[in-house]
């Protein structure tokens, strides 16, 4: 019986089990007991896109994951609900396509949240507007103008899975050995698009509703390899999208506001009621959209509040761990 220690990439995670791929093919794996014991939070567990160190013998049904290679980039958000923890979405992603339907799903504030996540994680964002066949060209032009007016500098692409307009253009920018993650709400056409890129129906989809919107079908994140060697990750739609400790991502996504902030009279200006505030002046002259500014302030406050709650929770967990360690030591 021979055993091997190798590096493999996580292509899917399902109920504690993971699907890995290496140069020999695809196989299943579980976390080793040592890995679970030493992990302090669920965000430290492997996610889709991670490279892991795995041990496997010829007789093993499952490989045993012993560790994770350092993540070059990451996509994460606050867990849904009241729990203040990070939830990993994907790792080692080169480009993020933020997908919105230009029919019913178009939302600048939500788009800005996704941009914060992408830039905070070190990835390169693109905006992808789908279902262009359901809106007039004039409406699409207005939506693109709204994106530009919000100070969003990420490239914007448009396409229709029905007419195929824009799909070929998208294919030309998907490069071999690069990883692309598609994120967005349910029903915007992510899985249908990836099926088209794959050339076959590998991801489940459902017919559109009477309004023209798709129905949610993706239940797990999954990495697929296209014929040209580019790798794509589909994601379930996200109903909630909280952010934690994303100051750098917010500053990068609202670069127009940050640039103006450097002109304020006071270095610690809160951009609310201080004299000679450059941002307040820009709001008065119409240089900055009020909704864009309001979302900036809202995301700043949310990120800071969640980070404080997360830090307090981590401290309590750490203190409790010390208590258990001392208790066991004193009662041996």
C-alpha atoms as a PDB file:
ATOM      1  CA  UNK A   1       0.000   0.000   0.000  1.00  0.00           C
ATOM      2  CA  UNK A   2       1.527   3.299  -1.071  1.00  0.00           C
ATOM      3  CA  UNK A   3       0.703   6.708   0.347  1.00  0.00           C
ATOM      4  CA  UNK A   4       1.250  10.157  -1.044  1.00  0.00           C
ATOM      5  CA  UNK A   5       1.395  13.705   0.241  1.00  0.00           C
ATOM      6  CA  UNK A   6       0.475  16.248  -2.386  1.00  0.00           C
ATOM      7  CA  UNK A   7      -1.116  19.602  -3.091  1.00  0.00           C
ATOM      8  CA  UNK A   8      -4.612  19.769  -4.526  1.00  0.00           C
ATOM      9  CA  UNK A   9      -7.192  22.466  -5.158  1.00  0.00           C
ATOM     10  CA  UNK A  10     -10.635  22.572  -3.573  1.00  0.00           C
ATOM     11  CA  UNK A  11     -13.271  22.617  -6.317  1.00  0.00           C
ATOM     12  CA  UNK A  12     -16.368  22.096  -4.128  1.00  0.00           C
ATOM     13  CA  UNK A  13     -17.385  21.914  -0.460  1.00  0.00           C
ATOM     14  CA  UNK A  14     -20.467  19.970   0.571  1.00  0.00           C
ATOM     15  CA  UNK A  15     -21.536  19.135   4.150  1.00  0.00           C
ATOM     16  CA  UNK A  16     -18.068  18.886   5.596  1.00  0.00           C
ATOM     17  CA  UNK A  17     -16.703  16.887   2.674  1.00  0.00           C
ATOM     18  CA  UNK A  18     -14.566  18.422  -0.045  1.00  0.00           C
ATOM     19  CA  UNK A  19     -13.979  17.669  -3.666  1.00  0.00           C
ATOM     20  CA  UNK A  20     -10.341  18.134  -4.620  1.00  0.00           C
ATOM     21  CA  UNK A  21      -8.507  18.125  -7.927  1.00  0.00           C
ATOM     22  CA  UNK A  22      -4.831  17.474  -8.590  1.00  0.00           C
ATOM     23  CA  UNK A  23      -2.831  16.393 -11.629  1.00  0.00           C
ATOM     24  CA  UNK A  24      -4.174  12.837 -11.245  1.00  0.00           C
ATOM     25  CA  UNK A  25      -7.850  13.786 -11.219  1.00  0.00           C
ATOM     26  CA  UNK A  26     -10.738  14.503  -8.845  1.00  0.00           C
ATOM     27  CA  UNK A  27     -11.214  12.868  -5.433  1.00  0.00           C
ATOM     28  CA  UNK A  28     -12.960  13.425  -2.118  1.00  0.00           C
ATOM     29  CA  UNK A  29     -11.318  14.515   1.122  1.00  0.00           C
ATOM     30  CA  UNK A  30     -11.999  15.335   4.773  1.00  0.00           C
ATOM     31  CA  UNK A  31     -10.247  17.518   7.327  1.00  0.00           C
ATOM     32  CA  UNK A  32      -7.795  15.791   9.660  1.00  0.00           C
ATOM     33  CA  UNK A  33      -8.548  15.834  13.368  1.00  0.00           C
ATOM     34  CA  UNK A  34      -5.405  17.885  14.013  1.00  0.00           C
ATOM     35  CA  UNK A  35      -6.505  20.504  11.477  1.00  0.00           C
ATOM     36  CA  UNK A  36      -9.954  20.811  13.082  1.00  0.00           C
ATOM     37  CA  UNK A  37      -8.464  21.038  16.581  1.00  0.00           C
ATOM     38  CA  UNK A  38      -6.051  23.818  15.616  1.00  0.00           C
ATOM     39  CA  UNK A  39      -8.593  25.897  13.668  1.00  0.00           C
ATOM     40  CA  UNK A  40     -10.155  28.728  15.653  1.00  0.00           C
ATOM     41  CA  UNK A  41     -12.879  29.807  13.223  1.00  0.00           C
ATOM     42  CA  UNK A  42     -14.833  28.478  10.257  1.00  0.00           C
ATOM     43  CA  UNK A  43     -13.100  31.032   7.984  1.00  0.00           C
ATOM     44  CA  UNK A  44      -9.878  29.079   8.566  1.00  0.00           C
ATOM     45  CA  UNK A  45     -11.399  25.959   6.985  1.00  0.00           C
ATOM     46  CA  UNK A  46     -10.760  25.287   3.274  1.00  0.00           C
ATOM     47  CA  UNK A  47     -13.086  26.903   0.772  1.00  0.00           C
ATOM     48  CA  UNK A  48     -13.475  26.693  -3.002  1.00  0.00           C
ATOM     49  CA  UNK A  49     -10.274  27.838  -4.683  1.00  0.00           C
ATOM     50  CA  UNK A  50      -7.979  26.972  -1.773  1.00  0.00           C
ATOM     51  CA  UNK A  51      -4.824  24.959  -2.323  1.00  0.00           C
ATOM     52  CA  UNK A  52      -4.526  22.289   0.387  1.00  0.00           C
ATOM     53  CA  UNK A  53      -1.930  19.799   1.561  1.00  0.00           C
ATOM     54  CA  UNK A  54      -3.506  16.364   1.455  1.00  0.00           C
ATOM     55  CA  UNK A  55      -2.432  12.857   2.465  1.00  0.00           C
ATOM     56  CA  UNK A  56      -3.903   9.805   0.729  1.00  0.00           C
ATOM     57  CA  UNK A  57      -3.142   6.106   0.378  1.00  0.00           C
ATOM     58  CA  UNK A  58      -4.280   3.811  -2.420  1.00  0.00           C
ATOM     59  CA  UNK A  59      -6.776   2.151  -0.081  1.00  0.00           C
ATOM     60  CA  UNK A  60      -8.286   5.365   1.253  1.00  0.00           C
ATOM     61  CA  UNK A  61     -11.730   6.395   0.093  1.00  0.00           C
ATOM     62  CA  UNK A  62     -11.033   9.930   1.271  1.00  0.00           C
ATOM     63  CA  UNK A  63      -7.913  12.048   1.298  1.00  0.00           C
ATOM     64  CA  UNK A  64      -6.971  13.704   4.582  1.00  0.00           C
ATOM     65  CA  UNK A  65      -6.404  17.467   4.500  1.00  0.00           C
ATOM     66  CA  UNK A  66      -3.537  18.491   6.793  1.00  0.00           C
ATOM     67  CA  UNK A  67      -3.233  22.188   5.979  1.00  0.00           C
ATOM     68  CA  UNK A  68      -3.963  25.115   3.637  1.00  0.00           C
ATOM     69  CA  UNK A  69      -1.478  27.018   1.505  1.00  0.00           C
ATOM     70  CA  UNK A  70      -1.396  30.780   2.066  1.00  0.00           C
ATOM     71  CA  UNK A  71      -4.239  32.493   0.235  1.00  0.00           C
ATOM     72  CA  UNK A  72      -3.113  35.014  -2.388  1.00  0.00           C
ATOM     73  CA  UNK A  73      -6.579  36.589  -2.539  1.00  0.00           C
ATOM     74  CA  UNK A  74      -9.868  35.932  -0.785  1.00  0.00           C
ATOM     75  CA  UNK A  75     -13.551  36.757  -1.006  1.00  0.00           C
ATOM     76  CA  UNK A  76     -15.386  36.894   2.306  1.00  0.00           C
ATOM     77  CA  UNK A  77     -18.409  38.479   3.929  1.00  0.00           C
ATOM     78  CA  UNK A  78     -20.116  38.629   7.294  1.00  0.00           C
ATOM     79  CA  UNK A  79     -22.143  35.494   7.974  1.00  0.00           C
ATOM     80  CA  UNK A  80     -25.868  35.922   7.445  1.00  0.00           C
ATOM     81  CA  UNK A  81     -27.924  36.692  10.547  1.00  0.00           C
ATOM     82  CA  UNK A  82     -26.758  38.034  13.890  1.00  0.00           C
ATOM     83  CA  UNK A  83     -23.615  35.921  14.122  1.00  0.00           C
ATOM     84  CA  UNK A  84     -20.585  38.201  13.649  1.00  0.00           C
ATOM     85  CA  UNK A  85     -18.143  35.880  11.887  1.00  0.00           C
ATOM     86  CA  UNK A  86     -16.409  35.852   8.537  1.00  0.00           C
ATOM     87  CA  UNK A  87     -17.765  33.509   5.881  1.00  0.00           C
ATOM     88  CA  UNK A  88     -15.383  32.519   3.125  1.00  0.00           C
ATOM     89  CA  UNK A  89     -16.796  32.628  -0.392  1.00  0.00           C
ATOM     90  CA  UNK A  90     -13.722  31.729  -2.453  1.00  0.00           C
ATOM     91  CA  UNK A  91      -9.931  31.929  -2.384  1.00  0.00           C
ATOM     92  CA  UNK A  92      -7.128  32.529  -4.868  1.00  0.00           C
ATOM     93  CA  UNK A  93      -9.436  34.338  -7.274  1.00  0.00           C
ATOM     94  CA  UNK A  94      -7.888  36.594  -9.910  1.00  0.00           C
ATOM     95  CA  UNK A  95     -11.030  38.360 -11.171  1.00  0.00           C
ATOM     96  CA  UNK A  96     -14.540  38.826  -9.784  1.00  0.00           C
ATOM     97  CA  UNK A  97     -17.542  39.336 -12.053  1.00  0.00           C
ATOM     98  CA  UNK A  98     -20.284  41.130 -10.138  1.00  0.00           C
ATOM     99  CA  UNK A  99     -23.403  40.064 -12.006  1.00  0.00           C
ATOM    100  CA  UNK A 100     -26.615  42.098 -11.980  1.00  0.00           C
ATOM    101  CA  UNK A 101     -29.659  41.765 -14.187  1.00  0.00           C
ATOM    102  CA  UNK A 102     -30.448  45.073 -15.829  1.00  0.00           C
ATOM    103  CA  UNK A 103     -34.121  44.088 -15.747  1.00  0.00           C
ATOM    104  CA  UNK A 104     -35.133  43.881 -12.067  1.00  0.00           C
ATOM    105  CA  UNK A 105     -31.920  43.319 -10.105  1.00  0.00           C
ATOM    106  CA  UNK A 106     -29.995  46.514 -10.913  1.00  0.00           C
ATOM    107  CA  UNK A 107     -28.956  48.176  -7.641  1.00  0.00           C
ATOM    108  CA  UNK A 108     -26.044  50.610  -7.235  1.00  0.00           C
ATOM    109  CA  UNK A 109     -25.796  50.260  -3.443  1.00  0.00           C
ATOM    110  CA  UNK A 110     -25.573  46.474  -3.648  1.00  0.00           C
ATOM    111  CA  UNK A 111     -23.046  46.790  -6.460  1.00  0.00           C
ATOM    112  CA  UNK A 112     -20.879  48.997  -4.231  1.00  0.00           C
ATOM    113  CA  UNK A 113     -20.996  46.349  -1.473  1.00  0.00           C
ATOM    114  CA  UNK A 114     -19.711  43.691  -3.865  1.00  0.00           C
ATOM    115  CA  UNK A 115     -16.969  46.053  -5.050  1.00  0.00           C
ATOM    116  CA  UNK A 116     -15.826  46.535  -1.438  1.00  0.00           C
ATOM    117  CA  UNK A 117     -15.622  42.752  -0.990  1.00  0.00           C
ATOM    118  CA  UNK A 118     -13.652  42.279  -4.211  1.00  0.00           C
ATOM    119  CA  UNK A 119     -11.130  45.055  -3.643  1.00  0.00           C
ATOM    120  CA  UNK A 120     -10.687  44.223   0.058  1.00  0.00           C
ATOM    121  CA  UNK A 121      -9.785  40.658  -0.906  1.00  0.00           C
ATOM    122  CA  UNK A 122      -7.157  41.727  -3.440  1.00  0.00           C
ATOM    123  CA  UNK A 123      -9.042  40.663  -6.571  1.00  0.00           C
ATOM    124  CA  UNK A 124      -9.841  42.650  -9.724  1.00  0.00           C
ATOM    125  CA  UNK A 125     -13.584  43.414 -10.107  1.00  0.00           C
ATOM    126  CA  UNK A 126     -15.645  43.631 -13.276  1.00  0.00           C
ATOM    127  CA  UNK A 127     -19.319  44.594 -13.530  1.00  0.00           C
ATOM    128  CA  UNK A 128     -21.474  42.328 -15.688  1.00  0.00           C
ATOM    129  CA  UNK A 129     -25.011  43.437 -16.602  1.00  0.00           C
ATOM    130  CA  UNK A 130     -27.117  40.536 -17.912  1.00  0.00           C
ATOM    131  CA  UNK A 131     -30.525  40.096 -19.560  1.00  0.00           C
ATOM    132  CA  UNK A 132     -30.028  43.050 -21.867  1.00  0.00           C
ATOM    133  CA  UNK A 133     -32.700  41.536 -24.135  1.00  0.00           C
ATOM    134  CA  UNK A 134     -35.327  42.493 -21.526  1.00  0.00           C
ATOM    135  CA  UNK A 135     -34.635  46.251 -21.473  1.00  0.00           C
ATOM    136  CA  UNK A 136     -34.526  49.012 -24.049  1.00  0.00           C
ATOM    137  CA  UNK A 137     -31.085  50.298 -25.109  1.00  0.00           C
ATOM    138  CA  UNK A 138     -31.964  53.686 -23.615  1.00  0.00           C
ATOM    139  CA  UNK A 139     -32.536  52.164 -20.156  1.00  0.00           C
ATOM    140  CA  UNK A 140     -29.272  50.212 -20.370  1.00  0.00           C
ATOM    141  CA  UNK A 141     -27.414  53.423 -21.259  1.00  0.00           C
ATOM    142  CA  UNK A 142     -28.933  55.163 -18.207  1.00  0.00           C
ATOM    143  CA  UNK A 143     -27.815  52.302 -15.940  1.00  0.00           C
ATOM    144  CA  UNK A 144     -24.252  52.438 -17.235  1.00  0.00           C
ATOM    145  CA  UNK A 145     -24.259  56.205 -16.684  1.00  0.00           C
ATOM    146  CA  UNK A 146     -25.453  55.665 -13.104  1.00  0.00           C
ATOM    147  CA  UNK A 147     -22.501  53.322 -12.499  1.00  0.00           C
ATOM    148  CA  UNK A 148     -20.082  55.947 -13.825  1.00  0.00           C
ATOM    149  CA  UNK A 149     -21.755  58.732 -11.810  1.00  0.00           C
ATOM    150  CA  UNK A 150     -21.256  56.651  -8.645  1.00  0.00           C
ATOM    151  CA  UNK A 151     -17.506  56.858  -9.172  1.00  0.00           C
ATOM    152  CA  UNK A 152     -17.219  53.155 -10.050  1.00  0.00           C
ATOM    153  CA  UNK A 153     -14.166  52.628 -12.245  1.00  0.00           C
ATOM    154  CA  UNK A 154     -14.406  48.849 -12.696  1.00  0.00           C
ATOM    155  CA  UNK A 155     -14.916  47.762 -16.323  1.00  0.00           C
ATOM    156  CA  UNK A 156     -18.585  47.283 -17.267  1.00  0.00           C
ATOM    157  CA  UNK A 157     -19.720  44.575 -19.675  1.00  0.00           C
ATOM    158  CA  UNK A 158     -23.231  43.744 -20.901  1.00  0.00           C
ATOM    159  CA  UNK A 159     -24.642  40.518 -22.316  1.00  0.00           C
ATOM    160  CA  UNK A 160     -27.710  38.407 -22.924  1.00  0.00           C
ATOM    161  CA  UNK A 161     -27.813  34.639 -22.477  1.00  0.00           C
ATOM    162  CA  UNK A 162     -30.810  34.602 -24.854  1.00  0.00           C
ATOM    163  CA  UNK A 163     -29.427  36.542 -27.816  1.00  0.00           C
ATOM    164  CA  UNK A 164     -25.780  35.715 -26.962  1.00  0.00           C
ATOM    165  CA  UNK A 165     -24.890  39.367 -27.487  1.00  0.00           C
ATOM    166  CA  UNK A 166     -21.741  40.121 -25.472  1.00  0.00           C
ATOM    167  CA  UNK A 167     -20.923  36.474 -24.684  1.00  0.00           C
ATOM    168  CA  UNK A 168     -18.132  36.197 -27.249  1.00  0.00           C
ATOM    169  CA  UNK A 169     -16.567  39.390 -25.897  1.00  0.00           C
ATOM    170  CA  UNK A 170     -16.588  37.883 -22.400  1.00  0.00           C
ATOM    171  CA  UNK A 171     -14.925  34.696 -23.672  1.00  0.00           C
ATOM    172  CA  UNK A 172     -12.014  36.683 -25.107  1.00  0.00           C
ATOM    173  CA  UNK A 173     -10.979  38.038 -21.693  1.00  0.00           C
ATOM    174  CA  UNK A 174     -11.085  34.678 -19.852  1.00  0.00           C
ATOM    175  CA  UNK A 175      -7.424  33.669 -19.780  1.00  0.00           C
ATOM    176  CA  UNK A 176      -5.931  30.199 -19.229  1.00  0.00           C
ATOM    177  CA  UNK A 177      -4.798  29.372 -15.656  1.00  0.00           C
ATOM    178  CA  UNK A 178      -6.683  32.374 -14.254  1.00  0.00           C
ATOM    179  CA  UNK A 179      -9.599  32.008 -11.825  1.00  0.00           C
ATOM    180  CA  UNK A 180     -12.826  33.974 -12.257  1.00  0.00           C
ATOM    181  CA  UNK A 181     -15.580  34.123  -9.641  1.00  0.00           C
ATOM    182  CA  UNK A 182     -19.153  35.065 -10.562  1.00  0.00           C
ATOM    183  CA  UNK A 183     -21.148  36.618  -7.708  1.00  0.00           C
ATOM    184  CA  UNK A 184     -24.572  38.219  -7.516  1.00  0.00           C
ATOM    185  CA  UNK A 185     -28.192  37.721  -6.542  1.00  0.00           C
ATOM    186  CA  UNK A 186     -30.254  34.644  -7.358  1.00  0.00           C
ATOM    187  CA  UNK A 187     -31.716  34.418 -10.824  1.00  0.00           C
ATOM    188  CA  UNK A 188     -29.438  36.860 -12.640  1.00  0.00           C
ATOM    189  CA  UNK A 189     -28.167  34.176 -15.025  1.00  0.00           C
ATOM    190  CA  UNK A 190     -24.789  33.176 -13.529  1.00  0.00           C
ATOM    191  CA  UNK A 191     -25.245  29.414 -13.937  1.00  0.00           C
ATOM    192  CA  UNK A 192     -26.783  29.736 -17.399  1.00  0.00           C
ATOM    193  CA  UNK A 193     -23.819  31.853 -18.464  1.00  0.00           C
ATOM    194  CA  UNK A 194     -21.256  29.401 -17.086  1.00  0.00           C
ATOM    195  CA  UNK A 195     -23.069  26.507 -18.794  1.00  0.00           C
ATOM    196  CA  UNK A 196     -22.708  28.418 -22.053  1.00  0.00           C
ATOM    197  CA  UNK A 197     -19.019  29.019 -21.427  1.00  0.00           C
ATOM    198  CA  UNK A 198     -18.542  25.311 -20.672  1.00  0.00           C
ATOM    199  CA  UNK A 199     -20.397  24.298 -23.817  1.00  0.00           C
ATOM    200  CA  UNK A 200     -22.647  21.935 -21.869  1.00  0.00           C
ATOM    201  CA  UNK A 201     -25.158  21.968 -19.018  1.00  0.00           C
ATOM    202  CA  UNK A 202     -22.916  21.223 -16.042  1.00  0.00           C
ATOM    203  CA  UNK A 203     -24.746  23.468 -13.557  1.00  0.00           C
ATOM    204  CA  UNK A 204     -28.449  23.118 -12.817  1.00  0.00           C
ATOM    205  CA  UNK A 205     -30.727  25.918 -13.983  1.00  0.00           C
ATOM    206  CA  UNK A 206     -34.479  26.496 -14.093  1.00  0.00           C
ATOM    207  CA  UNK A 207     -36.655  28.245 -16.615  1.00  0.00           C
ATOM    208  CA  UNK A 208     -37.255  31.931 -16.086  1.00  0.00           C
ATOM    209  CA  UNK A 209     -40.342  33.196 -14.272  1.00  0.00           C
ATOM    210  CA  UNK A 210     -43.144  35.160 -15.877  1.00  0.00           C
ATOM    211  CA  UNK A 211     -41.287  38.399 -15.160  1.00  0.00           C
ATOM    212  CA  UNK A 212     -38.232  37.256 -17.066  1.00  0.00           C
ATOM    213  CA  UNK A 213     -36.140  36.698 -13.939  1.00  0.00           C
ATOM    214  CA  UNK A 214     -34.402  33.392 -13.337  1.00  0.00           C
ATOM    215  CA  UNK A 215     -35.109  31.094 -10.411  1.00  0.00           C
ATOM    216  CA  UNK A 216     -32.437  30.283  -7.839  1.00  0.00           C
ATOM    217  CA  UNK A 217     -30.890  26.837  -8.358  1.00  0.00           C
ATOM    218  CA  UNK A 218     -27.201  26.947  -7.361  1.00  0.00           C
ATOM    219  CA  UNK A 219     -26.817  25.403  -3.898  1.00  0.00           C
ATOM    220  CA  UNK A 220     -23.042  25.195  -3.578  1.00  0.00           C
ATOM    221  CA  UNK A 221     -19.956  26.957  -4.834  1.00  0.00           C
ATOM    222  CA  UNK A 222     -18.157  25.004  -7.507  1.00  0.00           C
ATOM    223  CA  UNK A 223     -15.012  25.555  -9.584  1.00  0.00           C
ATOM    224  CA  UNK A 224     -15.106  24.460 -13.223  1.00  0.00           C
ATOM    225  CA  UNK A 225     -12.366  24.483 -15.866  1.00  0.00           C
ATOM    226  CA  UNK A 226     -13.170  25.765 -19.354  1.00  0.00           C
ATOM    227  CA  UNK A 227     -11.730  24.240 -22.531  1.00  0.00           C
ATOM    228  CA  UNK A 228      -9.094  26.983 -22.791  1.00  0.00           C
ATOM    229  CA  UNK A 229      -7.882  26.358 -19.227  1.00  0.00           C
ATOM    230  CA  UNK A 230      -9.620  29.318 -17.558  1.00  0.00           C
ATOM    231  CA  UNK A 231     -11.308  28.424 -14.254  1.00  0.00           C
ATOM    232  CA  UNK A 232     -14.717  29.767 -13.204  1.00  0.00           C
ATOM    233  CA  UNK A 233     -16.577  29.631  -9.884  1.00  0.00           C
ATOM    234  CA  UNK A 234     -20.355  29.809  -9.673  1.00  0.00           C
ATOM    235  CA  UNK A 235     -21.953  31.007  -6.426  1.00  0.00           C
ATOM    236  CA  UNK A 236     -25.388  30.695  -4.826  1.00  0.00           C
ATOM    237  CA  UNK A 237     -27.252  33.989  -4.732  1.00  0.00           C
ATOM    238  CA  UNK A 238     -26.633  36.039  -1.579  1.00  0.00           C
ATOM    239  CA  UNK A 239     -29.667  37.411   0.277  1.00  0.00           C
ATOM    240  CA  UNK A 240     -27.552  39.174   2.905  1.00  0.00           C
ATOM    241  CA  UNK A 241     -24.216  40.811   2.349  1.00  0.00           C
ATOM    242  CA  UNK A 242     -22.639  42.261   5.483  1.00  0.00           C
ATOM    243  CA  UNK A 243     -19.044  43.465   5.658  1.00  0.00           C
ATOM    244  CA  UNK A 244     -16.511  43.348   8.495  1.00  0.00           C
ATOM    245  CA  UNK A 245     -13.305  45.357   8.845  1.00  0.00           C
ATOM    246  CA  UNK A 246     -13.189  46.377   5.190  1.00  0.00           C
ATOM    247  CA  UNK A 247     -11.670  49.844   5.507  1.00  0.00           C
ATOM    248  CA  UNK A 248      -9.186  49.339   2.664  1.00  0.00           C
ATOM    249  CA  UNK A 249     -11.863  47.915   0.382  1.00  0.00           C
ATOM    250  CA  UNK A 250     -14.227  50.795   1.133  1.00  0.00           C
ATOM    251  CA  UNK A 251     -11.528  53.401   0.502  1.00  0.00           C
ATOM    252  CA  UNK A 252     -10.585  51.760  -2.799  1.00  0.00           C
ATOM    253  CA  UNK A 253     -14.213  51.433  -3.943  1.00  0.00           C
ATOM    254  CA  UNK A 254     -15.040  55.044  -3.017  1.00  0.00           C
ATOM    255  CA  UNK A 255     -11.789  56.518  -4.321  1.00  0.00           C
ATOM    256  CA  UNK A 256     -13.547  59.687  -5.529  1.00  0.00           C
ATOM    257  CA  UNK A 257     -14.683  60.511  -1.992  1.00  0.00           C
ATOM    258  CA  UNK A 258     -11.316  59.572  -0.466  1.00  0.00           C
ATOM    259  CA  UNK A 259      -9.514  61.853  -2.944  1.00  0.00           C
ATOM    260  CA  UNK A 260     -11.700  64.772  -1.889  1.00  0.00           C
ATOM    261  CA  UNK A 261     -11.214  63.934   1.800  1.00  0.00           C
ATOM    262  CA  UNK A 262      -7.531  64.837   1.498  1.00  0.00           C
ATOM    263  CA  UNK A 263      -8.619  68.434   0.812  1.00  0.00           C
ATOM    264  CA  UNK A 264     -10.599  68.776   4.061  1.00  0.00           C
ATOM    265  CA  UNK A 265      -9.373  71.307   6.607  1.00  0.00           C
ATOM    266  CA  UNK A 266      -9.104  68.754   9.421  1.00  0.00           C
ATOM    267  CA  UNK A 267      -7.292  65.420   9.082  1.00  0.00           C
ATOM    268  CA  UNK A 268      -9.860  63.700  11.326  1.00  0.00           C
ATOM    269  CA  UNK A 269     -12.815  65.211   9.489  1.00  0.00           C
ATOM    270  CA  UNK A 270     -15.952  63.063   9.739  1.00  0.00           C
ATOM    271  CA  UNK A 271     -17.373  64.742   6.599  1.00  0.00           C
ATOM    272  CA  UNK A 272     -20.614  65.630   8.370  1.00  0.00           C
ATOM    273  CA  UNK A 273     -20.663  69.137   9.858  1.00  0.00           C
ATOM    274  CA  UNK A 274     -17.034  70.325  10.113  1.00  0.00           C
ATOM    275  CA  UNK A 275     -16.104  73.679   8.507  1.00  0.00           C
ATOM    276  CA  UNK A 276     -14.250  73.608   5.176  1.00  0.00           C
ATOM    277  CA  UNK A 277     -15.150  69.973   4.503  1.00  0.00           C
ATOM    278  CA  UNK A 278     -14.340  69.270   0.854  1.00  0.00           C
ATOM    279  CA  UNK A 279     -16.859  66.431   0.651  1.00  0.00           C
ATOM    280  CA  UNK A 280     -19.728  68.569   1.983  1.00  0.00           C
ATOM    281  CA  UNK A 281     -18.821  71.234  -0.578  1.00  0.00           C
ATOM    282  CA  UNK A 282     -18.857  68.598  -3.340  1.00  0.00           C
ATOM    283  CA  UNK A 283     -22.315  67.503  -2.211  1.00  0.00           C
ATOM    284  CA  UNK A 284     -23.568  71.082  -2.359  1.00  0.00           C
ATOM    285  CA  UNK A 285     -22.233  71.595  -5.895  1.00  0.00           C
ATOM    286  CA  UNK A 286     -23.478  68.214  -7.123  1.00  0.00           C
ATOM    287  CA  UNK A 287     -19.986  66.864  -7.762  1.00  0.00           C
ATOM    288  CA  UNK A 288     -20.835  63.847  -5.577  1.00  0.00           C
ATOM    289  CA  UNK A 289     -24.156  61.992  -5.705  1.00  0.00           C
ATOM    290  CA  UNK A 290     -25.821  62.160  -2.237  1.00  0.00           C
ATOM    291  CA  UNK A 291     -26.823  58.466  -2.396  1.00  0.00           C
ATOM    292  CA  UNK A 292     -23.225  57.517  -3.196  1.00  0.00           C
ATOM    293  CA  UNK A 293     -22.029  59.506  -0.170  1.00  0.00           C
ATOM    294  CA  UNK A 294     -24.743  58.049   2.107  1.00  0.00           C
ATOM    295  CA  UNK A 295     -23.727  54.509   1.167  1.00  0.00           C
ATOM    296  CA  UNK A 296     -20.074  55.360   1.863  1.00  0.00           C
ATOM    297  CA  UNK A 297     -20.926  56.557   5.398  1.00  0.00           C
ATOM    298  CA  UNK A 298     -23.242  53.582   5.983  1.00  0.00           C
ATOM    299  CA  UNK A 299     -20.616  51.019   4.924  1.00  0.00           C
ATOM    300  CA  UNK A 300     -17.949  52.719   7.056  1.00  0.00           C
ATOM    301  CA  UNK A 301     -20.155  52.525  10.150  1.00  0.00           C
ATOM    302  CA  UNK A 302     -21.270  48.950   9.453  1.00  0.00           C
ATOM    303  CA  UNK A 303     -17.719  47.730   8.872  1.00  0.00           C
ATOM    304  CA  UNK A 304     -16.429  49.373  12.061  1.00  0.00           C
ATOM    305  CA  UNK A 305     -19.338  48.100  14.192  1.00  0.00           C
ATOM    306  CA  UNK A 306     -19.037  44.514  12.925  1.00  0.00           C
ATOM    307  CA  UNK A 307     -15.262  44.567  13.400  1.00  0.00           C
ATOM    308  CA  UNK A 308     -15.673  45.724  17.006  1.00  0.00           C
ATOM    309  CA  UNK A 309     -18.240  42.988  17.666  1.00  0.00           C
ATOM    310  CA  UNK A 310     -16.019  40.401  15.985  1.00  0.00           C
ATOM    311  CA  UNK A 311     -12.949  41.473  18.004  1.00  0.00           C
ATOM    312  CA  UNK A 312     -14.905  41.302  21.255  1.00  0.00           C
ATOM    313  CA  UNK A 313     -16.182  37.830  20.378  1.00  0.00           C
ATOM    314  CA  UNK A 314     -12.685  36.615  19.506  1.00  0.00           C
ATOM    315  CA  UNK A 315     -11.382  37.979  22.828  1.00  0.00           C
ATOM    316  CA  UNK A 316     -14.135  36.168  24.736  1.00  0.00           C
ATOM    317  CA  UNK A 317     -13.373  32.934  22.860  1.00  0.00           C
ATOM    318  CA  UNK A 318      -9.669  33.344  23.614  1.00  0.00           C
ATOM    319  CA  UNK A 319     -10.313  34.066  27.305  1.00  0.00           C
ATOM    320  CA  UNK A 320     -12.601  31.050  27.543  1.00  0.00           C
ATOM    321  CA  UNK A 321      -9.921  28.899  25.908  1.00  0.00           C
ATOM    322  CA  UNK A 322      -7.395  30.055  28.508  1.00  0.00           C
ATOM    323  CA  UNK A 323      -9.883  29.281  31.278  1.00  0.00           C
ATOM    324  CA  UNK A 324     -10.357  25.723  30.008  1.00  0.00           C
ATOM    325  CA  UNK A 325      -6.613  25.219  29.672  1.00  0.00           C
ATOM    326  CA  UNK A 326      -5.950  26.406  33.221  1.00  0.00           C
ATOM    327  CA  UNK A 327      -8.863  24.377  34.576  1.00  0.00           C
ATOM    328  CA  UNK A 328      -7.534  21.184  33.012  1.00  0.00           C
ATOM    329  CA  UNK A 329      -4.027  21.983  34.251  1.00  0.00           C
ATOM    330  CA  UNK A 330      -5.180  22.582  37.850  1.00  0.00           C
ATOM    331  CA  UNK A 331      -7.416  19.514  37.968  1.00  0.00           C
ATOM    332  CA  UNK A 332      -5.103  16.866  36.639  1.00  0.00           C
END
